[in-house]
Amino acid sequence: MRGMCARVRAAGAVTALAVAVVSPALAAPAAPAAPAVKPALAGPTASNALVAPAAAPAAVTAPKGAAPSLRPPEGPTLARIRDTGVIVMGYRPASLPFSYLDAQLKPIGYTVELCDRVIQALRVRLNLPDLEVRRVAVGSATRLPMVTNGTLDLECGITTNTAERARSQAFSLTIFVAETRLMTRNGERVQSLSELRGKPVVSTIGTTSIQHLAAVNEQQQLGIRIVAGLDDPDAFQLLRSGRAEAFLMDDVLLRSLLAQQGAAVSARDYVVSDRGLTVEPYAIGLNRDDPAFKAMVDETLAGLYRSGEIFNIYRRWFEAPLPNSGVNLQLPMSAALRRVIAQPTDSPDPARYR
């Protein structure tokens, strides 16, 4: 996804830069299973324009004296996966450490591993040991529409759960909590967008960061010239070349970009703001019309949280050298993410994570 940069400049409202977010499916099990502990969910479970809902099953009367199954009825996504033997996973090719390609061009990363755990649970649930995983590369501008139109079953990248996006797609339990910050060159620490009045500021097209930049620019009449990168590496090059004075993006992604530069760039040449501007709860993107599928995804994630396995997964991707990279972010788990693990939520409300 590295490539030519697309630059867009604006002095007022620049909502055109942010690609419109149009973000926002199980046969009956062989035998009832013990009810899973379900975390408190706050977000909506939501529509898939391309996948028709499965026909309603005929009513079945449980044998006299038998306990009813507490497992939710299966929906269209799982029914289709069972019928086709295929699940489609969206991934980001270059978003370390969440989703990127290894030496064999296979998607790996923190979010990808969580999605792999969901897929393994599906293999057991549907008794499909040979379930095929079809992997599709997505970008900032394509990931949300591909969930909404039914192309993807799981979007396994770096997508923020917001109330606006939740109107057109569903999200899993929160899997990571980031904050947007400003990165500048040459030791010029900037803490707020108001300090960049009239200057060029870059962010990545199709992200909540560029939407926030455009909104604040308009509300405060800052006259910022907004520059859009095609992806995060492209946006960083715009900052590095001097075509932007600052780069607004999620802190973990800024940290990852700097770490990937190696000897080519000194981290001392760049400064990241101390203060976060927005809270970004990351989640796996799902179809809005299938609460049964979402429940199954959330049940798998909640199990990782309860068992503590999530801490091993986190250490593998944030506190150790990364496969096919060697980069070690040395990023301890945040207090916000620890709270999510203790009390799982799918809320898009930033206040829930402060």
Protein backbone atom coordinates (compact mmCIF):
# COMPACT_ATOMS: atom_id res chain seq x y z
CA MET A 1 0.00 0.00 0.00
CA ARG A 2 2.97 2.17 -0.19
CA GLY A 3 2.77 4.35 -3.27
CA MET A 4 2.14 7.59 -4.87
CA CYS A 5 0.68 10.16 -2.57
CA ALA A 6 -2.59 11.86 -3.10
CA ARG A 7 -2.60 15.34 -1.82
CA VAL A 8 -5.65 17.30 -1.05
CA ARG A 9 -5.52 20.70 0.40
CA ALA A 10 -8.38 22.60 1.98
CA ALA A 11 -8.79 25.70 4.08
CA GLY A 12 -12.19 25.17 5.58
CA ALA A 13 -14.45 22.18 5.77
CA VAL A 14 -12.73 19.30 4.07
CA THR A 15 -15.06 16.48 4.68
CA ALA A 16 -14.59 15.41 1.05
CA LEU A 17 -11.13 14.14 1.95
CA ALA A 18 -12.42 11.51 4.32
CA VAL A 19 -13.98 8.74 2.28
CA ALA A 20 -17.60 8.36 3.19
CA VAL A 21 -17.95 5.78 5.93
CA VAL A 22 -20.46 3.19 4.88
CA SER A 23 -19.25 0.76 7.41
CA PRO A 24 -21.76 -1.12 8.73
CA ALA A 25 -23.83 -14.70 9.28
CA LEU A 26 -24.74 -20.80 11.73
CA ALA A 27 -27.01 -24.21 10.97
CA ALA A 28 -28.41 -25.53 14.23
CA PRO A 29 -25.75 -27.18 16.38
CA ALA A 30 -25.74 -30.92 16.81
CA ALA A 31 -26.35 -30.64 20.53
CA PRO A 32 -27.00 -27.81 22.99
CA ALA A 33 -23.95 -26.45 24.70
CA ALA A 34 -23.48 -24.91 28.11
CA PRO A 35 -24.23 -21.18 28.05
CA ALA A 36 -21.23 -18.95 27.60
CA VAL A 37 -20.62 -16.06 29.94
CA LYS A 38 -21.59 -13.05 27.90
CA PRO A 39 -19.98 -9.68 28.51
CA ALA A 40 -22.06 -6.55 28.76
CA LEU A 41 -22.31 -5.13 25.27
CA ALA A 42 -23.08 -1.54 24.56
CA GLY A 43 -22.87 -1.18 20.79
CA PRO A 44 -25.52 -2.00 18.22
CA THR A 45 -25.37 -5.30 16.41
CA ALA A 46 -26.41 -4.49 12.99
CA SER A 47 -26.87 -4.95 7.37
CA ASN A 48 -25.60 -7.01 4.65
CA ALA A 49 -26.99 -5.96 1.32
CA LEU A 50 -25.54 -8.91 -0.55
CA VAL A 51 -26.28 -11.81 1.77
CA ALA A 52 -29.95 -12.67 2.06
CA PRO A 53 -31.05 -13.86 5.50
CA ALA A 54 -31.46 -17.59 5.81
CA ALA A 55 -34.99 -18.94 5.82
CA ALA A 56 -36.48 -19.17 9.29
CA PRO A 57 -36.16 -22.71 10.64
CA ALA A 58 -39.25 -24.72 11.38
CA ALA A 59 -40.31 -24.73 14.99
CA VAL A 60 -38.83 -27.61 16.94
CA THR A 61 -40.34 -28.86 20.16
CA ALA A 62 -37.75 -29.89 22.72
CA PRO A 63 -38.18 -33.37 24.19
CA LYS A 64 -40.23 -33.40 27.35
CA GLY A 65 -38.07 -32.59 30.33
CA ALA A 66 -35.10 -31.45 28.21
CA ALA A 67 -33.44 -28.17 29.09
CA PRO A 68 -33.71 -25.57 26.30
CA SER A 69 -30.47 -24.50 24.58
CA LEU A 70 -29.26 -21.06 25.56
CA ARG A 71 -27.08 -20.77 22.47
CA PRO A 72 -28.47 -18.06 20.15
CA PRO A 73 -30.07 -19.19 16.88
CA GLU A 74 -27.73 -19.32 13.94
CA GLY A 75 -27.90 -16.51 11.41
CA PRO A 76 -27.11 -16.04 7.72
CA THR A 77 -23.34 -15.65 8.03
CA LEU A 78 -22.71 -18.97 9.76
CA ALA A 79 -25.27 -20.71 7.55
CA ARG A 80 -23.42 -19.48 4.47
CA ILE A 81 -20.02 -20.41 5.90
CA ARG A 82 -21.30 -23.93 6.63
CA ASP A 83 -22.77 -24.24 3.13
CA THR A 84 -19.75 -22.90 1.25
CA GLY A 85 -16.94 -24.00 3.56
CA VAL A 86 -15.39 -20.55 3.14
CA ILE A 87 -14.93 -17.52 5.40
CA VAL A 88 -13.60 -14.21 4.05
CA MET A 89 -11.18 -12.19 6.15
CA GLY A 90 -10.07 -8.66 5.31
CA TYR A 91 -6.55 -7.64 6.30
CA ARG A 92 -4.21 -4.65 6.00
CA PRO A 93 -0.93 -5.37 4.15
CA ALA A 94 1.28 -2.90 6.04
CA SER A 95 -0.21 -1.93 9.41
CA LEU A 96 2.34 -3.24 11.89
CA PRO A 97 1.81 -4.77 14.39
CA PHE A 98 -1.92 -5.27 13.84
CA SER A 99 -2.07 -6.61 10.30
CA TYR A 100 0.77 -7.04 7.80
CA LEU A 101 2.44 -9.61 5.55
CA ASP A 102 5.16 -12.08 6.50
CA ALA A 103 7.94 -13.33 4.21
CA GLN A 104 5.49 -15.78 2.56
CA LEU A 105 3.01 -12.92 1.99
CA LYS A 106 0.63 -14.36 4.57
CA PRO A 107 -1.27 -11.90 6.80
CA ILE A 108 -0.06 -11.85 10.40
CA GLY A 109 -0.36 -9.47 13.36
CA TYR A 110 -2.27 -8.82 16.57
CA THR A 111 -5.71 -8.35 15.00
CA VAL A 112 -5.09 -11.14 12.50
CA GLU A 113 -4.23 -13.55 15.35
CA LEU A 114 -7.45 -12.64 17.15
CA CYS A 115 -9.40 -13.30 13.94
CA ASP A 116 -7.55 -16.61 13.53
CA ARG A 117 -8.74 -17.59 17.03
CA VAL A 118 -12.31 -16.78 15.95
CA ILE A 119 -11.90 -18.88 12.80
CA GLN A 120 -10.54 -21.81 14.82
CA ALA A 121 -13.59 -21.60 17.10
CA LEU A 122 -15.77 -21.64 13.97
CA ARG A 123 -14.08 -24.80 12.73
CA VAL A 124 -15.05 -26.51 15.98
CA ARG A 125 -18.52 -24.98 16.20
CA LEU A 126 -19.45 -25.93 12.63
CA ASN A 127 -17.41 -29.16 12.55
CA LEU A 128 -15.49 -27.84 9.55
CA PRO A 129 -11.82 -28.71 10.16
CA ASP A 130 -11.00 -27.86 6.54
CA LEU A 131 -12.75 -24.47 6.57
CA GLU A 132 -11.10 -22.35 3.87
CA VAL A 133 -9.98 -18.86 4.83
CA ARG A 134 -10.10 -16.46 1.91
CA ARG A 135 -7.92 -13.43 2.65
CA VAL A 136 -8.63 -10.09 0.98
CA ALA A 137 -6.40 -7.01 1.23
CA VAL A 138 -8.19 -3.81 2.23
CA GLY A 139 -7.20 -0.18 2.72
CA SER A 140 -8.48 2.77 4.70
CA ALA A 141 -10.87 3.71 1.90
CA THR A 142 -12.20 0.21 1.09
CA ARG A 143 -12.48 -1.69 4.41
CA LEU A 144 -15.82 -0.25 5.58
CA PRO A 145 -17.73 -0.62 2.29
CA MET A 146 -16.47 -4.20 1.94
CA VAL A 147 -17.99 -5.10 5.30
CA THR A 148 -21.26 -3.34 4.52
CA ASN A 149 -21.71 -4.89 1.07
CA GLY A 150 -21.03 -8.41 2.32
CA THR A 151 -17.62 -8.98 0.75
CA LEU A 152 -15.98 -9.55 4.14
CA ASP A 153 -17.08 -11.65 7.10
CA LEU A 154 -14.29 -10.37 9.37
CA GLU A 155 -12.40 -7.10 8.91
CA CYS A 156 -9.14 -7.65 10.77
CA GLY A 157 -7.17 -4.45 10.70
CA ILE A 158 -7.02 -1.18 12.60
CA THR A 159 -10.60 0.08 12.50
CA THR A 160 -12.06 2.38 15.13
CA ASN A 161 -15.56 1.66 16.43
CA THR A 162 -17.55 4.89 16.23
CA ALA A 163 -21.24 5.66 16.69
CA GLU A 164 -21.44 6.85 13.08
CA ARG A 165 -19.89 3.69 11.67
CA ALA A 166 -22.03 1.50 13.93
CA ARG A 167 -25.10 2.71 12.04
CA SER A 168 -24.01 0.71 9.00
CA GLN A 169 -21.91 -2.14 10.41
CA ALA A 170 -21.31 -4.01 13.65
CA PHE A 171 -18.16 -4.26 15.74
CA SER A 172 -16.75 -6.93 18.02
CA LEU A 173 -15.67 -6.33 21.57
CA THR A 174 -12.94 -3.70 21.74
CA ILE A 175 -9.50 -5.24 21.14
CA PHE A 176 -7.22 -2.19 21.51
CA VAL A 177 -7.46 1.43 22.65
CA ALA A 178 -5.40 4.12 20.91
CA GLU A 179 -5.36 7.92 20.99
CA THR A 180 -4.71 10.31 18.12
CA ARG A 181 -1.66 12.52 18.49
CA LEU A 182 0.37 14.96 16.43
CA MET A 183 3.83 14.11 15.15
CA THR A 184 6.13 16.94 14.04
CA ARG A 185 9.68 17.22 12.71
CA ASN A 186 12.84 18.69 14.14
CA GLY A 187 11.87 18.76 17.78
CA GLU A 188 8.99 21.19 17.36
CA ARG A 189 6.51 19.69 19.80
CA VAL A 190 2.91 20.66 19.01
CA GLN A 191 0.12 19.79 21.44
CA SER A 192 -2.99 21.00 19.61
CA LEU A 193 -4.28 21.73 16.14
CA SER A 194 -4.77 25.38 17.05
CA GLU A 195 -0.97 25.74 17.05
CA LEU A 196 -0.95 24.80 13.35
CA ARG A 197 -3.17 27.61 12.09
CA GLY A 198 -2.65 28.20 8.37
CA LYS A 199 -0.14 25.35 8.00
CA PRO A 200 -0.29 22.07 6.04
CA VAL A 201 -1.20 19.04 8.17
CA VAL A 202 -1.30 15.49 6.82
CA SER A 203 -3.45 12.52 7.79
CA THR A 204 -4.56 9.32 6.08
CA ILE A 205 -7.58 9.26 3.80
CA GLY A 206 -10.62 7.30 5.04
CA THR A 207 -9.68 7.50 8.74
CA THR A 208 -11.26 8.99 11.84
CA SER A 209 -8.09 11.09 12.19
CA ILE A 210 -8.64 13.00 8.97
CA GLN A 211 -12.32 13.42 9.83
CA HIS A 212 -11.34 14.93 13.18
CA LEU A 213 -8.82 17.19 11.48
CA ALA A 214 -11.42 18.47 9.01
CA ALA A 215 -14.05 19.00 11.72
CA VAL A 216 -11.77 20.96 14.06
CA ASN A 217 -10.39 22.98 11.16
CA GLU A 218 -13.90 24.05 10.20
CA GLN A 219 -15.20 24.62 13.72
CA GLN A 220 -12.26 26.74 14.80
CA GLN A 221 -11.63 28.37 11.41
CA LEU A 222 -7.94 27.45 11.58
CA GLY A 223 -7.22 27.68 7.87
CA ILE A 224 -5.20 24.47 8.02
CA ARG A 225 -4.28 23.09 4.60
CA ILE A 226 -5.22 19.43 4.85
CA VAL A 227 -3.01 16.97 2.98
CA ALA A 228 -4.24 13.38 2.52
CA GLY A 229 -1.91 10.39 2.37
CA LEU A 230 -3.07 7.24 0.62
CA ASP A 231 -1.97 5.21 3.65
CA ASP A 232 0.05 5.76 6.83
CA PRO A 233 3.51 5.22 5.27
CA ASP A 234 2.58 7.63 2.48
CA ALA A 235 1.41 10.24 4.99
CA PHE A 236 4.66 9.85 6.93
CA GLN A 237 6.67 10.51 3.78
CA LEU A 238 4.71 13.72 3.24
CA LEU A 239 5.75 14.85 6.71
CA ARG A 240 9.32 13.69 6.21
CA SER A 241 9.65 15.56 2.90
CA GLY A 242 8.44 18.81 4.43
CA ARG A 243 5.18 18.96 2.51
CA ALA A 244 3.33 18.89 5.84
CA GLU A 245 4.18 20.47 9.18
CA ALA A 246 2.49 17.76 11.26
CA PHE A 247 0.98 14.28 10.92
CA LEU A 248 -2.23 13.49 12.84
CA MET A 249 -2.69 9.76 13.47
CA ASP A 250 -3.19 7.13 16.19
CA ASP A 251 -0.27 7.07 18.63
CA VAL A 252 0.48 3.35 18.24
CA LEU A 253 0.68 3.73 14.45
CA LEU A 254 2.99 6.74 14.71
CA ARG A 255 5.23 4.74 17.04
CA SER A 256 5.20 1.81 14.63
CA LEU A 257 6.09 3.99 11.65
CA LEU A 258 9.08 5.50 13.44
CA ALA A 259 10.31 2.08 14.58
CA GLN A 260 10.17 0.75 11.03
CA GLN A 261 12.47 3.46 9.69
CA GLY A 262 15.51 1.98 11.42
CA ALA A 263 18.77 3.80 10.78
CA ALA A 264 17.22 5.82 7.96
CA VAL A 265 15.43 8.07 10.42
CA SER A 266 16.36 9.10 13.92
CA ALA A 267 13.45 9.08 16.33
CA ARG A 268 14.99 12.22 17.80
CA ASP A 269 14.13 14.01 14.57
CA TYR A 270 10.42 13.56 15.29
CA VAL A 271 8.31 14.48 18.28
CA VAL A 272 4.88 13.11 19.22
CA SER A 273 2.51 15.24 21.30
CA ASP A 274 2.04 14.37 24.96
CA ARG A 275 -1.70 14.92 24.86
CA GLY A 276 -4.10 12.65 23.02
CA LEU A 277 -6.73 14.46 20.96
CA THR A 278 -9.27 11.64 20.51
CA VAL A 279 -9.81 8.10 21.86
CA GLU A 280 -9.86 5.30 19.26
CA PRO A 281 -11.31 1.92 20.36
CA TYR A 282 -10.26 -0.66 17.75
CA ALA A 283 -12.50 -3.64 16.96
CA ILE A 284 -13.07 -6.35 14.36
CA GLY A 285 -15.55 -5.21 11.72
CA LEU A 286 -18.67 -7.36 11.25
CA ASN A 287 -21.94 -7.41 9.32
CA ARG A 288 -24.65 -5.38 11.00
CA ASP A 289 -27.50 -7.78 10.17
CA ASP A 290 -26.20 -10.82 12.04
CA PRO A 291 -26.26 -10.59 15.85
CA ALA A 292 -25.74 -14.37 16.12
CA PHE A 293 -22.41 -14.16 14.32
CA LYS A 294 -21.34 -11.17 16.42
CA ALA A 295 -22.25 -13.09 19.58
CA MET A 296 -20.01 -15.96 18.48
CA VAL A 297 -17.09 -13.61 17.73
CA ASP A 298 -17.54 -11.82 21.06
CA GLU A 299 -17.78 -15.13 22.93
CA THR A 300 -14.39 -16.16 21.51
CA LEU A 301 -12.73 -12.86 22.40
CA ALA A 302 -14.27 -12.83 25.89
CA GLY A 303 -12.86 -16.32 26.44
CA LEU A 304 -9.37 -15.05 25.62
CA TYR A 305 -9.88 -12.19 28.06
CA ARG A 306 -11.17 -14.43 30.88
CA SER A 307 -8.37 -16.98 30.49
CA GLY A 308 -5.63 -14.36 30.36
CA GLU A 309 -4.40 -15.66 27.00
CA ILE A 310 -4.88 -12.14 25.63
CA PHE A 311 -1.82 -11.03 27.62
CA ASN A 312 0.38 -13.59 25.85
CA ILE A 313 -1.00 -12.50 22.49
CA TYR A 314 -0.38 -8.84 23.34
CA ARG A 315 3.22 -9.46 24.43
CA ARG A 316 3.92 -11.32 21.19
CA TRP A 317 2.99 -8.30 19.05
CA PHE A 318 3.81 -5.27 21.19
CA GLU A 319 6.66 -6.26 23.50
CA ALA A 320 8.82 -8.60 21.41
CA PRO A 321 10.59 -8.45 18.02
CA LEU A 322 8.00 -8.70 15.26
CA PRO A 323 8.15 -11.54 12.72
CA ASN A 324 9.47 -10.48 9.31
CA SER A 325 10.48 -7.13 10.74
CA GLY A 326 12.60 -7.38 13.85
CA VAL A 327 10.98 -4.20 15.14
CA ASN A 328 10.14 -4.24 18.86
CA LEU A 329 7.65 -1.54 19.80
CA GLN A 330 8.31 -2.07 23.52
CA LEU A 331 4.78 -0.84 24.20
CA PRO A 332 3.29 -1.97 27.55
CA MET A 333 -0.45 -2.58 27.68
CA SER A 334 -2.37 0.58 28.49
CA ALA A 335 -4.60 0.98 31.52
CA ALA A 336 -7.54 1.55 29.17
CA LEU A 337 -7.06 -1.83 27.47
CA ARG A 338 -6.61 -3.57 30.84
CA ARG A 339 -9.99 -2.17 31.89
CA VAL A 340 -11.56 -3.49 28.69
CA ILE A 341 -10.14 -6.96 29.34
CA ALA A 342 -11.50 -6.91 32.90
CA GLN A 343 -14.90 -5.59 31.76
CA PRO A 344 -15.35 -6.34 28.03
CA THR A 345 -17.31 -3.81 26.02
CA ASP A 346 -18.12 -2.97 22.42
CA SER A 347 -18.99 0.64 23.19
CA PRO A 348 -18.03 3.33 20.66
CA ASP A 349 -18.24 6.00 23.39
CA PRO A 350 -14.77 7.50 23.98
CA ALA A 351 -15.73 8.33 27.58
CA ARG A 352 -15.98 4.59 28.29
CA TYR A 353 -12.21 4.29 27.84
CA ARG A 354 -10.95 7.33 29.73
